[in-house]
Each structure stands twice: as structure tokens, then as C-alpha cells.
Amino acid sequence: MTKLKIKTGDTVKVIAGDHKGSEGKVQKVLIEKNKAIVEGVNLVKKHTKPSAQNPQGGIVEKEAPIHISNLSLLTAKGETTRIGYRTEGDQKVRFSVKSNEVI
């Protein structure tokens, strides 16, 4: 299992692929597949059968997972950055390589 540097709740930017340039918040990280679901990015139309929760059925738009390698974390200023780790006291913290600020 690999260690992923993107976590749920991070704001990311898509740096490659069809949705290049779009930004959003990470809703879920699929560790075993190296993918993440980003809010408002990579929307797909899914045909659903009528069910108890959705008696009408029809076509629903939902976010599909996007590969972690196509995402880059954004700093507070909104610029893309890589992530490093360091210990401050007895705590391990993530920090922005570009601006050296703790995330």
C-alpha cells in the first residue's frame, strides 16, 4: 500500500487530463486504487433504475474518481505545490514545498 499525500478535505487542482485547470475539494480518497473523488470535477451521467430512495429513476450526474497523479494540492494563496513532511516538536506535519507553510 502506498502513502498518499492528498487527504479528504484538501483543495486540489487538476493538472492533467480532460478536466485540466479545474479546482475542487477532495470528498473521498480511494487508497487502494490511488484515486480521489473531487467535488465538481470529472462529472459523469449515471443511469439509475427506479428504487425506494429514487422512485423516479432517470439520469443522475455524479463525480467519478480521478487519479492522484493528475491532482496537485493548492496553498492558501491558490497556487499549486508539492507536499513535504517534517516534525515540529513531537508532531509530524505536512508542509508546502513552494511556500514552506504548514498545511
C-alpha atoms as a PDB file:
ATOM      1  CA  MET A   1       0.000   0.000   0.000  1.00  0.00           C
ATOM      2  CA  THR A   2       1.372   3.407  -0.949  1.00  0.00           C
ATOM      3  CA  LYS A   3       1.294   6.560   1.144  1.00  0.00           C
ATOM      4  CA  LEU A   4      -0.837   9.256  -0.481  1.00  0.00           C
ATOM      5  CA  LYS A   5      -0.089  12.912   0.152  1.00  0.00           C
ATOM      6  CA  ILE A   6      -3.630  14.109  -0.603  1.00  0.00           C
ATOM      7  CA  LYS A   7      -6.248  13.823   2.120  1.00  0.00           C
ATOM      8  CA  THR A   8     -10.013  14.294   2.360  1.00  0.00           C
ATOM      9  CA  GLY A   9     -10.878  18.000   2.660  1.00  0.00           C
ATOM     10  CA  ASP A  10      -7.829  19.274   0.742  1.00  0.00           C
ATOM     11  CA  THR A  11      -8.340  21.797  -2.046  1.00  0.00           C
ATOM     12  CA  VAL A  12      -6.742  20.479  -5.230  1.00  0.00           C
ATOM     13  CA  LYS A  13      -6.253  21.489  -8.853  1.00  0.00           C
ATOM     14  CA  VAL A  14      -6.370  19.094 -11.805  1.00  0.00           C
ATOM     15  CA  ILE A  15      -3.029  19.358 -13.630  1.00  0.00           C
ATOM     16  CA  ALA A  16      -3.588  16.802 -16.421  1.00  0.00           C
ATOM     17  CA  GLY A  17      -6.378  15.207 -18.420  1.00  0.00           C
ATOM     18  CA  ASP A  18      -9.754  16.359 -19.740  1.00  0.00           C
ATOM     19  CA  HIS A  19     -10.535  18.473 -16.657  1.00  0.00           C
ATOM     20  CA  LYS A  20      -7.160  20.251 -16.522  1.00  0.00           C
ATOM     21  CA  GLY A  21      -7.334  23.565 -14.694  1.00  0.00           C
ATOM     22  CA  SER A  22     -10.456  22.860 -12.627  1.00  0.00           C
ATOM     23  CA  GLU A  23     -10.309  23.055  -8.848  1.00  0.00           C
ATOM     24  CA  GLY A  24     -12.316  21.499  -6.055  1.00  0.00           C
ATOM     25  CA  LYS A  25     -12.361  19.950  -2.607  1.00  0.00           C
ATOM     26  CA  VAL A  26     -11.474  16.269  -2.148  1.00  0.00           C
ATOM     27  CA  GLN A  27     -14.582  14.410  -0.957  1.00  0.00           C
ATOM     28  CA  LYS A  28     -13.100  10.922  -0.685  1.00  0.00           C
ATOM     29  CA  VAL A  29      -9.753   9.221  -1.254  1.00  0.00           C
ATOM     30  CA  LEU A  30      -9.716   5.662  -2.627  1.00  0.00           C
ATOM     31  CA  ILE A  31      -6.358   4.463  -1.260  1.00  0.00           C
ATOM     32  CA  GLU A  32      -6.358   1.002  -2.868  1.00  0.00           C
ATOM     33  CA  LYS A  33      -6.997   2.477  -6.346  1.00  0.00           C
ATOM     34  CA  ASN A  34      -4.773   5.603  -5.975  1.00  0.00           C
ATOM     35  CA  LYS A  35      -7.754   7.781  -6.896  1.00  0.00           C
ATOM     36  CA  ALA A  36      -9.742  10.609  -5.343  1.00  0.00           C
ATOM     37  CA  ILE A  37     -13.249  11.975  -5.819  1.00  0.00           C
ATOM     38  CA  VAL A  38     -13.126  15.758  -6.257  1.00  0.00           C
ATOM     39  CA  GLU A  39     -16.209  17.951  -5.868  1.00  0.00           C
ATOM     40  CA  GLY A  40     -17.482  19.233  -9.239  1.00  0.00           C
ATOM     41  CA  VAL A  41     -14.700  17.581 -11.289  1.00  0.00           C
ATOM     42  CA  ASN A  42     -14.989  14.607 -13.692  1.00  0.00           C
ATOM     43  CA  LEU A  43     -18.796  14.535 -13.707  1.00  0.00           C
ATOM     44  CA  VAL A  44     -20.394  11.524 -15.360  1.00  0.00           C
ATOM     45  CA  LYS A  45     -24.034  10.755 -16.126  1.00  0.00           C
ATOM     46  CA  LYS A  46     -25.242   7.546 -14.495  1.00  0.00           C
ATOM     47  CA  HIS A  47     -28.494   5.878 -15.475  1.00  0.00           C
ATOM     48  CA  THR A  48     -30.395   4.734 -12.387  1.00  0.00           C
ATOM     49  CA  LYS A  49     -33.289   2.334 -12.072  1.00  0.00           C
ATOM     50  CA  PRO A  50     -36.286   3.416 -10.011  1.00  0.00           C
ATOM     51  CA  SER A  51     -35.787   2.414  -6.366  1.00  0.00           C
ATOM     52  CA  ALA A  52     -37.230   3.193  -2.934  1.00  0.00           C
ATOM     53  CA  GLN A  53     -34.809   6.123  -2.488  1.00  0.00           C
ATOM     54  CA  ASN A  54     -35.320   7.371  -6.052  1.00  0.00           C
ATOM     55  CA  PRO A  55     -38.790   6.271  -7.244  1.00  0.00           C
ATOM     56  CA  GLN A  56     -38.473   8.290 -10.467  1.00  0.00           C
ATOM     57  CA  GLY A  57     -35.162   6.803 -11.653  1.00  0.00           C
ATOM     58  CA  GLY A  58     -33.528   8.601 -14.572  1.00  0.00           C
ATOM     59  CA  ILE A  59     -30.100  10.077 -15.250  1.00  0.00           C
ATOM     60  CA  VAL A  60     -28.022  11.292 -12.305  1.00  0.00           C
ATOM     61  CA  GLU A  61     -24.813  13.333 -12.565  1.00  0.00           C
ATOM     62  CA  LYS A  62     -22.111  12.299 -10.123  1.00  0.00           C
ATOM     63  CA  GLU A  63     -18.363  12.697  -9.660  1.00  0.00           C
ATOM     64  CA  ALA A  64     -16.155   9.875 -10.907  1.00  0.00           C
ATOM     65  CA  PRO A  65     -12.750   9.150  -9.320  1.00  0.00           C
ATOM     66  CA  ILE A  66      -9.689  10.859 -10.788  1.00  0.00           C
ATOM     67  CA  HIS A  67      -6.111   9.565 -10.433  1.00  0.00           C
ATOM     68  CA  ILE A  68      -3.971  11.124  -7.687  1.00  0.00           C
ATOM     69  CA  SER A  69      -1.113  11.790 -10.148  1.00  0.00           C
ATOM     70  CA  ASN A  70      -3.390  14.220 -12.017  1.00  0.00           C
ATOM     71  CA  LEU A  71      -4.027  16.316  -8.890  1.00  0.00           C
ATOM     72  CA  SER A  72      -1.894  18.957  -7.194  1.00  0.00           C
ATOM     73  CA  LEU A  73      -2.541  20.497  -3.785  1.00  0.00           C
ATOM     74  CA  LEU A  74      -3.289  24.220  -3.588  1.00  0.00           C
ATOM     75  CA  THR A  75      -1.801  26.570  -0.989  1.00  0.00           C
ATOM     76  CA  ALA A  76      -3.863  29.165   0.890  1.00  0.00           C
ATOM     77  CA  LYS A  77      -2.941  31.687  -1.851  1.00  0.00           C
ATOM     78  CA  GLY A  78      -4.272  29.334  -4.544  1.00  0.00           C
ATOM     79  CA  GLU A  79      -1.001  28.201  -6.138  1.00  0.00           C
ATOM     80  CA  THR A  80      -0.098  24.561  -6.789  1.00  0.00           C
ATOM     81  CA  THR A  81       2.554  22.964  -4.621  1.00  0.00           C
ATOM     82  CA  ARG A  82       4.170  19.678  -3.731  1.00  0.00           C
ATOM     83  CA  ILE A  83       3.925  18.328  -0.204  1.00  0.00           C
ATOM     84  CA  GLY A  84       6.702  17.525   2.226  1.00  0.00           C
ATOM     85  CA  TYR A  85       6.730  16.150   5.761  1.00  0.00           C
ATOM     86  CA  ARG A  86       8.676  17.320   8.792  1.00  0.00           C
ATOM     87  CA  THR A  87       8.464  17.002  12.546  1.00  0.00           C
ATOM     88  CA  GLU A  88       7.698  20.063  14.636  1.00  0.00           C
ATOM     89  CA  GLY A  89       8.252  19.154  18.267  1.00  0.00           C
ATOM     90  CA  ASP A  90       6.744  15.693  18.511  1.00  0.00           C
ATOM     91  CA  GLN A  91       4.198  16.207  15.718  1.00  0.00           C
ATOM     92  CA  LYS A  92       4.586  15.129  12.085  1.00  0.00           C
ATOM     93  CA  VAL A  93       3.182  17.884   9.846  1.00  0.00           C
ATOM     94  CA  ARG A  94       2.609  18.324   6.114  1.00  0.00           C
ATOM     95  CA  PHE A  95       4.073  21.460   4.576  1.00  0.00           C
ATOM     96  CA  SER A  96       4.063  23.209   1.224  1.00  0.00           C
ATOM     97  CA  VAL A  97       7.399  22.810  -0.562  1.00  0.00           C
ATOM     98  CA  LYS A  98       6.803  26.046  -2.509  1.00  0.00           C
ATOM     99  CA  SER A  99       5.929  28.398   0.365  1.00  0.00           C
ATOM    100  CA  ASN A 100       7.207  26.341   3.339  1.00  0.00           C
ATOM    101  CA  GLU A 101       3.912  26.862   5.219  1.00  0.00           C
ATOM    102  CA  VAL A 102       2.271  24.108   7.281  1.00  0.00           C
ATOM    103  CA  ILE A 103      -0.902  22.712   5.675  1.00  0.00           C
END
